[in-house]
Amino acid sequence: MTQVGPRSFSDIALLEWAAQEDRTILTHDVSPMTLYAYELLKLGKPMAGVIVVPSELGIGLALKDLELVLECLSQDHIRNHVQYLPL
């Protein structure tokens, strides 16, 4: 998987960039990434969506759950939402 987006951005700047580009963020960073995502929502600002994959989740289960998320949730559904894995 190729990392897309500016690597030097702070989490909040990355969330804002992702919203502008309509890209969902896939992260292991539960905190502060999710805190910033919820803060944007609280302020009524756009948030493209975040999928949180815990680093301790096995790769097989992570891929299985990601596949299910991609099959079941469109970008419209994940927008302004934080989805935690495992499902």
Protein backbone atom coordinates (compact mmCIF):
# COMPACT_ATOMS: atom_id res chain seq x y z
CA MET A 1 0.00 0.00 0.00
CA THR A 2 1.32 3.41 -0.93
CA GLN A 3 1.06 6.22 1.56
CA VAL A 4 -0.77 9.14 0.03
CA GLY A 5 -0.71 12.65 1.40
CA PRO A 6 1.84 14.95 2.93
CA ARG A 7 4.03 13.08 5.41
CA SER A 8 5.04 16.19 7.32
CA PHE A 9 1.46 17.21 8.13
CA SER A 10 0.19 17.15 11.68
CA ASP A 11 -2.77 14.84 12.34
CA ILE A 12 -5.26 17.70 12.20
CA ALA A 13 -3.75 19.04 8.97
CA LEU A 14 -3.84 15.54 7.47
CA LEU A 15 -7.53 15.20 8.41
CA GLU A 16 -8.28 18.55 6.80
CA TRP A 17 -6.32 17.59 3.66
CA ALA A 18 -8.15 14.25 3.47
CA ALA A 19 -11.51 16.04 3.72
CA GLN A 20 -10.56 18.35 0.85
CA GLU A 21 -9.40 15.39 -1.24
CA ASP A 22 -12.35 13.18 -0.14
CA ARG A 23 -9.96 10.46 1.05
CA THR A 24 -10.48 8.15 3.99
CA ILE A 25 -7.61 7.82 6.45
CA LEU A 26 -6.48 4.35 7.49
CA THR A 27 -4.48 4.52 10.73
CA HIS A 28 -3.08 2.66 13.72
CA ASP A 29 -3.03 5.98 15.58
CA VAL A 30 -6.05 5.75 17.90
CA SER A 31 -5.05 8.85 19.80
CA PRO A 32 -4.75 11.72 18.94
CA MET A 33 -6.00 11.03 15.36
CA THR A 34 -9.50 9.99 16.50
CA LEU A 35 -9.65 12.84 19.02
CA TYR A 36 -8.97 15.33 16.22
CA ALA A 37 -11.52 13.60 13.97
CA TYR A 38 -14.21 13.87 16.65
CA GLU A 39 -13.23 17.49 17.31
CA LEU A 40 -13.71 18.37 13.63
CA LEU A 41 -17.15 16.74 13.72
CA LYS A 42 -18.05 18.60 16.91
CA LEU A 43 -17.09 21.88 15.23
CA GLY A 44 -19.20 20.98 12.17
CA LYS A 45 -16.17 20.82 9.90
CA PRO A 46 -15.88 18.23 7.12
CA MET A 47 -14.10 14.98 7.87
CA ALA A 48 -13.53 12.40 5.11
CA GLY A 49 -13.57 9.43 7.49
CA VAL A 50 -11.11 7.41 9.54
CA ILE A 51 -10.68 3.65 9.77
CA VAL A 52 -8.72 2.61 12.87
CA VAL A 53 -6.80 -0.66 12.68
CA PRO A 54 -5.22 -1.52 16.04
CA SER A 55 -1.56 -2.45 15.62
CA GLU A 56 -2.11 -5.62 17.67
CA LEU A 57 -4.82 -6.86 15.27
CA GLY A 58 -3.49 -9.73 13.18
CA ILE A 59 -2.92 -8.98 9.51
CA GLY A 60 -5.37 -11.67 8.38
CA LEU A 61 -8.26 -10.35 10.47
CA ALA A 62 -7.38 -6.75 9.59
CA LEU A 63 -7.49 -7.50 5.86
CA LYS A 64 -10.71 -9.48 6.20
CA ASP A 65 -12.40 -6.64 8.10
CA LEU A 66 -11.04 -3.98 5.73
CA GLU A 67 -12.40 -5.95 2.78
CA LEU A 68 -15.81 -6.08 4.47
CA VAL A 69 -15.74 -2.34 5.22
CA LEU A 70 -14.83 -1.57 1.59
CA GLU A 71 -17.61 -3.81 0.31
CA CYS A 72 -20.30 -2.47 2.66
CA LEU A 73 -19.49 1.21 3.17
CA SER A 74 -19.28 3.75 0.39
CA GLN A 75 -17.28 6.95 0.75
CA ASP A 76 -20.58 8.69 1.51
CA HIS A 77 -21.13 6.31 4.46
CA ILE A 78 -17.62 6.57 5.90
CA ARG A 79 -17.50 10.37 5.54
CA ASN A 80 -17.82 12.04 8.97
CA HIS A 81 -17.44 8.65 10.67
CA VAL A 82 -14.74 6.83 12.62
CA GLN A 83 -14.81 3.06 12.05
CA TYR A 84 -12.91 0.84 14.46
CA LEU A 85 -11.62 -2.61 13.59
CA PRO A 86 -12.16 -5.42 14.38
CA LEU A 87 -15.81 -5.30 13.39
